[in-house]
C-alpha atoms as a PDB file:
ATOM      1  CA  MET A   1      -0.112   0.106  -0.320  1.00  0.00           C
ATOM      2  CA  ALA A   2       0.913   3.755  -0.873  1.00  0.00           C
ATOM      3  CA  LYS A   3       2.075   6.271   1.824  1.00  0.00           C
ATOM      4  CA  GLN A   4      -0.521   8.389   2.379  1.00  0.00           C
ATOM      5  CA  ILE A   5      -1.443  12.003   3.809  1.00  0.00           C
ATOM      6  CA  ARG A   6      -3.842  13.442   5.171  1.00  0.00           C
ATOM      7  CA  ILE A   7      -4.709  17.541   4.357  1.00  0.00           C
ATOM      8  CA  THR A   8      -7.175  18.789   7.760  1.00  0.00           C
ATOM      9  CA  PHE A   9      -8.756  22.391   6.879  1.00  0.00           C
ATOM     10  CA  GLU A  10      -9.665  24.590   9.926  1.00  0.00           C
ATOM     11  CA  LYS A  11     -13.365  25.360   8.820  1.00  0.00           C
ATOM     12  CA  GLY A  12     -13.776  21.708   8.022  1.00  0.00           C
ATOM     13  CA  GLY A  13     -13.047  19.326   4.977  1.00  0.00           C
ATOM     14  CA  SER A  14      -9.940  16.554   5.410  1.00  0.00           C
ATOM     15  CA  PHE A  15      -8.853  13.952   3.106  1.00  0.00           C
ATOM     16  CA  LEU A  16      -6.161  11.494   2.472  1.00  0.00           C
ATOM     17  CA  ALA A  17      -4.063  11.213  -1.157  1.00  0.00           C
ATOM     18  CA  ASP A  18      -1.547   8.875  -2.165  1.00  0.00           C
ATOM     19  CA  MET A  19       1.333   9.280  -2.786  1.00  0.00           C
ATOM     20  CA  LEU A  20       2.897   8.555  -6.368  1.00  0.00           C
ATOM     21  CA  GLU A  21       6.294   7.104  -4.828  1.00  0.00           C
ATOM     22  CA  GLU A  22       6.583   5.119  -8.565  1.00  0.00           C
ATOM     23  CA  GLN A  23       6.377   8.448 -10.543  1.00  0.00           C
ATOM     24  CA  ALA A  24       7.870  11.370  -8.556  1.00  0.00           C
ATOM     25  CA  PRO A  25      10.441   9.004  -6.190  1.00  0.00           C
ATOM     26  CA  GLU A  26      13.171  11.459  -5.208  1.00  0.00           C
ATOM     27  CA  ILE A  27       9.664  14.699  -4.399  1.00  0.00           C
ATOM     28  CA  CYS A  28       8.093  11.973  -2.608  1.00  0.00           C
ATOM     29  CA  LYS A  29      10.916  10.692  -0.004  1.00  0.00           C
ATOM     30  CA  LEU A  30      11.560  14.564   0.806  1.00  0.00           C
ATOM     31  CA  VAL A  31       7.855  15.803   1.108  1.00  0.00           C
ATOM     32  CA  TRP A  32       7.740  12.687   3.350  1.00  0.00           C
ATOM     33  CA  SER A  33      10.772  13.572   5.303  1.00  0.00           C
ATOM     34  CA  MET A  34       9.613  17.175   5.173  1.00  0.00           C
ATOM     35  CA  LEU A  35       6.655  15.647   7.044  1.00  0.00           C
ATOM     36  CA  GLU A  36       8.144  14.137  10.227  1.00  0.00           C
ATOM     37  CA  LYS A  37       6.170  16.661  12.394  1.00  0.00           C
ATOM     38  CA  PRO A  38       2.467  18.038  11.038  1.00  0.00           C
ATOM     39  CA  TRP A  39       3.136  20.824   8.885  1.00  0.00           C
ATOM     40  CA  SER A  40       0.513  24.170   9.201  1.00  0.00           C
ATOM     41  CA  GLU A  41       0.351  26.965   6.564  1.00  0.00           C
ATOM     42  CA  THR A  42      -3.025  28.958   4.257  1.00  0.00           C
ATOM     43  CA  PHE A  43      -3.839  28.077   1.354  1.00  0.00           C
ATOM     44  CA  ILE A  44      -4.495  30.919  -0.896  1.00  0.00           C
ATOM     45  CA  HIS A  45      -6.614  30.218  -4.530  1.00  0.00           C
ATOM     46  CA  SER A  46      -4.332  30.409  -7.437  1.00  0.00           C
ATOM     47  CA  ASN A  47      -5.692  32.880  -9.546  1.00  0.00           C
ATOM     48  CA  ILE A  48      -4.080  30.827 -12.679  1.00  0.00           C
ATOM     49  CA  MET A  49      -7.125  28.635 -12.694  1.00  0.00           C
ATOM     50  CA  GLY A  50     -10.400  27.964 -10.204  1.00  0.00           C
ATOM     51  CA  PHE A  51     -10.259  24.214  -9.451  1.00  0.00           C
ATOM     52  CA  LEU A  52      -6.152  25.747  -8.060  1.00  0.00           C
ATOM     53  CA  VAL A  53      -5.207  26.577  -4.339  1.00  0.00           C
ATOM     54  CA  GLU A  54      -1.265  26.797  -3.520  1.00  0.00           C
ATOM     55  CA  SER A  55       0.638  27.380  -0.621  1.00  0.00           C
ATOM     56  CA  PRO A  56       3.175  29.025  -1.626  1.00  0.00           C
ATOM     57  CA  TYR A  57       6.081  28.271   1.091  1.00  0.00           C
ATOM     58  CA  PHE A  58       6.126  24.248   2.108  1.00  0.00           C
ATOM     59  CA  PRO A  59       9.863  24.359   3.865  1.00  0.00           C
ATOM     60  CA  VAL A  60      12.880  22.256   2.223  1.00  0.00           C
ATOM     61  CA  PRO A  61      16.192  22.067   3.103  1.00  0.00           C
ATOM     62  CA  GLU A  62      17.874  25.371   1.395  1.00  0.00           C
ATOM     63  CA  ASP A  63      20.618  22.949  -0.614  1.00  0.00           C
ATOM     64  CA  ALA A  64      17.529  20.406  -1.472  1.00  0.00           C
ATOM     65  CA  SER A  65      18.117  19.398  -5.568  1.00  0.00           C
ATOM     66  CA  LEU A  66      14.061  18.963  -6.809  1.00  0.00           C
ATOM     67  CA  PRO A  67      14.565  16.225  -9.514  1.00  0.00           C
ATOM     68  CA  LEU A  68      12.467  17.039 -12.451  1.00  0.00           C
ATOM     69  CA  GLU A  69       9.468  13.777 -11.967  1.00  0.00           C
ATOM     70  CA  ASN A  70       6.160  13.716 -12.885  1.00  0.00           C
ATOM     71  CA  LEU A  71       6.041  16.704 -14.655  1.00  0.00           C
ATOM     72  CA  ARG A  72       1.897  18.640 -15.874  1.00  0.00           C
ATOM     73  CA  CYS A  73       1.153  21.074 -16.864  1.00  0.00           C
ATOM     74  CA  PHE A  74      -2.001  20.708 -17.213  1.00  0.00           C
ATOM     75  CA  SER A  75      -3.022  18.690 -13.914  1.00  0.00           C
ATOM     76  CA  GLU A  76      -5.351  15.844 -13.252  1.00  0.00           C
ATOM     77  CA  ASN A  77      -8.747  16.029 -10.498  1.00  0.00           C
ATOM     78  CA  GLY A  78      -7.335  15.635  -6.878  1.00  0.00           C
ATOM     79  CA  ASP A  79      -3.886  16.042  -7.694  1.00  0.00           C
ATOM     80  CA  ILE A  80      -0.622  17.479  -4.609  1.00  0.00           C
ATOM     81  CA  ALA A  81       2.297  18.846  -6.821  1.00  0.00           C
ATOM     82  CA  VAL A  82       4.905  21.486  -6.211  1.00  0.00           C
ATOM     83  CA  ILE A  83       6.769  23.141  -7.889  1.00  0.00           C
ATOM     84  CA  SER A  84      10.573  22.849  -8.118  1.00  0.00           C
ATOM     85  CA  PRO A  85      13.019  26.723  -8.216  1.00  0.00           C
ATOM     86  CA  ALA A  86      13.923  25.378 -12.043  1.00  0.00           C
ATOM     87  CA  GLU A  87       9.758  25.514 -13.093  1.00  0.00           C
ATOM     88  CA  TYR A  88       9.036  28.642 -11.285  1.00  0.00           C
ATOM     89  CA  ARG A  89      12.404  30.660 -12.170  1.00  0.00           C
ATOM     90  CA  GLU A  90      12.933  33.937 -10.742  1.00  0.00           C
ATOM     91  CA  MET A  91      10.292  33.420  -7.776  1.00  0.00           C
ATOM     92  CA  SER A  92      11.143  31.078  -5.650  1.00  0.00           C
ATOM     93  CA  ILE A  93      12.215  30.955  -2.253  1.00  0.00           C
ATOM     94  CA  LYS A  94      15.304  29.640  -1.320  1.00  0.00           C
ATOM     95  CA  GLY A  95      14.188  26.531   0.890  1.00  0.00           C
ATOM     96  CA  TYR A  96      11.035  26.587  -0.242  1.00  0.00           C
ATOM     97  CA  LEU A  97       8.708  25.210  -2.851  1.00  0.00           C
ATOM     98  CA  PRO A  98       5.056  26.375  -3.594  1.00  0.00           C
ATOM     99  CA  LEU A  99       2.435  23.427  -3.138  1.00  0.00           C
ATOM    100  CA  CYS A 100      -0.430  23.460  -5.186  1.00  0.00           C
ATOM    101  CA  LEU A 101      -3.802  21.198  -4.520  1.00  0.00           C
ATOM    102  CA  THR A 102      -6.751  20.960  -7.669  1.00  0.00           C
ATOM    103  CA  ALA A 103      -9.963  19.158  -7.111  1.00  0.00           C
ATOM    104  CA  TRP A 104     -12.616  20.575  -9.155  1.00  0.00           C
ATOM    105  CA  HIS A 105     -16.746  18.913 -10.144  1.00  0.00           C
ATOM    106  CA  ALA A 106     -17.242  16.542 -11.882  1.00  0.00           C
ATOM    107  CA  VAL A 107     -18.681  18.658 -15.177  1.00  0.00           C
ATOM    108  CA  LYS A 108     -18.042  18.686 -18.239  1.00  0.00           C
ATOM    109  CA  LEU A 109     -16.101  21.135 -19.942  1.00  0.00           C
ATOM    110  CA  PRO A 110     -16.384  22.406 -23.142  1.00  0.00           C
ATOM    111  CA  THR A 111     -14.085  21.541 -26.162  1.00  0.00           C
ATOM    112  CA  LEU A 112     -11.160  24.201 -27.303  1.00  0.00           C
ATOM    113  CA  GLU A 113     -13.860  24.001 -30.512  1.00  0.00           C
ATOM    114  CA  LYS A 114     -17.057  25.281 -29.166  1.00  0.00           C
ATOM    115  CA  LEU A 115     -15.131  28.375 -26.692  1.00  0.00           C
ATOM    116  CA  THR A 116     -13.768  29.888 -29.848  1.00  0.00           C
ATOM    117  CA  GLY A 117     -16.216  29.124 -32.613  1.00  0.00           C
ATOM    118  CA  LYS A 118     -14.456  27.318 -34.445  1.00  0.00           C
ATOM    119  CA  LYS A 119     -13.504  24.269 -36.318  1.00  0.00           C
ATOM    120  CA  ILE A 120      -9.825  23.237 -35.703  1.00  0.00           C
ATOM    121  CA  ASP A 121      -8.306  21.190 -38.140  1.00  0.00           C
ATOM    122  CA  VAL A 122      -6.393  18.545 -37.128  1.00  0.00           C
ATOM    123  CA  SER A 123      -4.793  17.287 -40.582  1.00  0.00           C
ATOM    124  CA  HIS A 124      -1.634  18.515 -39.227  1.00  0.00           C
ATOM    125  CA  ASP A 125      -2.509  15.622 -36.464  1.00  0.00           C
ATOM    126  CA  THR A 126       1.015  13.998 -34.472  1.00  0.00           C
ATOM    127  CA  GLY A 127      -0.824  11.797 -32.114  1.00  0.00           C
ATOM    128  CA  GLU A 128      -1.008  13.428 -29.180  1.00  0.00           C
ATOM    129  CA  ASN A 129      -5.027  15.189 -28.738  1.00  0.00           C
ATOM    130  CA  VAL A 130      -5.033  18.679 -30.176  1.00  0.00           C
ATOM    131  CA  GLU A 131      -5.990  21.182 -27.343  1.00  0.00           C
ATOM    132  CA  GLN A 132      -3.397  19.729 -25.077  1.00  0.00           C
ATOM    133  CA  GLN A 133      -1.333  21.108 -27.549  1.00  0.00           C
ATOM    134  CA  TYR A 134      -3.105  24.349 -27.909  1.00  0.00           C
ATOM    135  CA  LYS A 135      -2.624  24.666 -24.476  1.00  0.00           C
ATOM    136  CA  LYS A 136       0.839  23.769 -24.658  1.00  0.00           C
ATOM    137  CA  ASN A 137       2.044  25.972 -26.833  1.00  0.00           C
ATOM    138  CA  MET A 138       0.080  28.496 -24.644  1.00  0.00           C
ATOM    139  CA  PHE A 139       0.522  27.821 -21.113  1.00  0.00           C
ATOM    140  CA  GLU A 140       3.613  25.652 -20.861  1.00  0.00           C
ATOM    141  CA  THR A 141       5.534  27.940 -18.850  1.00  0.00           C
ATOM    142  CA  CYS A 142       5.881  26.769 -15.605  1.00  0.00           C
ATOM    143  CA  ARG A 143       4.956  22.443 -14.951  1.00  0.00           C
ATOM    144  CA  ALA A 144       4.206  21.141 -11.918  1.00  0.00           C
ATOM    145  CA  ASN A 145       6.128  17.592 -10.266  1.00  0.00           C
ATOM    146  CA  VAL A 146       2.443  15.810  -9.282  1.00  0.00           C
ATOM    147  CA  PHE A 147       3.680  13.731  -5.879  1.00  0.00           C
ATOM    148  CA  ALA A 148       0.224  12.935  -5.065  1.00  0.00           C
ATOM    149  CA  ARG A 149      -3.697  12.555  -5.542  1.00  0.00           C
ATOM    150  CA  ILE A 150      -6.482  12.939  -3.383  1.00  0.00           C
ATOM    151  CA  ARG A 151      -8.435   9.021  -3.019  1.00  0.00           C
ATOM    152  CA  ALA A 152     -11.086   9.068  -5.578  1.00  0.00           C
ATOM    153  CA  GLU A 153     -13.805   8.759  -3.362  1.00  0.00           C
ATOM    154  CA  GLN A 154     -12.702  11.756  -1.171  1.00  0.00           C
ATOM    155  CA  VAL A 155     -12.080  13.984  -4.395  1.00  0.00           C
ATOM    156  CA  GLU A 156     -15.557  15.862  -4.014  1.00  0.00           C
ATOM    157  CA  GLU A 157     -14.817  16.315  -0.734  1.00  0.00           C
ATOM    158  CA  ALA A 158     -11.727  17.982  -1.940  1.00  0.00           C
ATOM    159  CA  SER A 159     -13.685  20.171  -4.556  1.00  0.00           C
ATOM    160  CA  ASN A 160     -16.316  21.974  -1.850  1.00  0.00           C
ATOM    161  CA  VAL A 161     -12.800  22.911  -0.318  1.00  0.00           C
ATOM    162  CA  VAL A 162     -11.575  24.611  -3.181  1.00  0.00           C
ATOM    163  CA  GLU A 163     -14.278  26.208  -4.093  1.00  0.00           C
ATOM    164  CA  ARG A 164     -14.675  27.525  -0.964  1.00  0.00           C
ATOM    165  CA  ILE A 165     -10.723  28.870  -1.176  1.00  0.00           C
ATOM    166  CA  ARG A 166     -11.714  30.570  -4.144  1.00  0.00           C
ATOM    167  CA  THR A 167     -15.419  32.372  -2.532  1.00  0.00           C
ATOM    168  CA  ASP A 168     -14.147  32.589   1.173  1.00  0.00           C
ATOM    169  CA  GLY A 169     -10.513  33.564   1.052  1.00  0.00           C
ATOM    170  CA  MET A 170      -7.719  31.876   2.508  1.00  0.00           C
ATOM    171  CA  GLU A 171      -8.088  29.488   4.871  1.00  0.00           C
ATOM    172  CA  ARG A 172      -5.647  27.804   7.329  1.00  0.00           C
ATOM    173  CA  PHE A 173      -4.744  23.512   6.544  1.00  0.00           C
ATOM    174  CA  THR A 174      -2.448  21.025   8.225  1.00  0.00           C
ATOM    175  CA  ILE A 175      -0.743  17.790   6.296  1.00  0.00           C
ATOM    176  CA  GLU A 176       0.252  15.179   8.149  1.00  0.00           C
ATOM    177  CA  ARG A 177       1.735  11.707   7.219  1.00  0.00           C
ATOM    178  CA  ALA A 178      -1.160   9.383   7.427  1.00  0.00           C
ATOM    179  CA  GLU A 179       0.330   6.560   9.282  1.00  0.00           C
END
């Protein structure tokens, strides 16, 4: 069974996430070691996308070398990630990593064609989803290292917390090992 972390919010809501040790072994080791004691901080809405909250100050050793593991430009529902200094560039603070959590209600999103009102020519298709090609060209500036995923049966609860932070503002949380 994979190692798990628990995230608990001061205004209610608590859920487990499975660490993705096969996809991000070094990052999982680092995060696990930093959670020897529970850690509390504040999550804020990122303003980058509606279903992302972040805390810019997850503490790590100043000399920590973070590999680029399990990189994602666009998260999956329930992803928990850190952003390495190599990706965050000028915004990184020595000894800290931005910690991000995504969760959204299961709603089918409109296609790119529907949003733009234009037919997209896919005759040049390389086999990769054309919407993903478009997104990568537009946004691939800061990829996140996904190291954990909220358990599927708890994503709905997590999406309620993310929505609350989006509408009500910052909220304290505690992240800890679930042993």
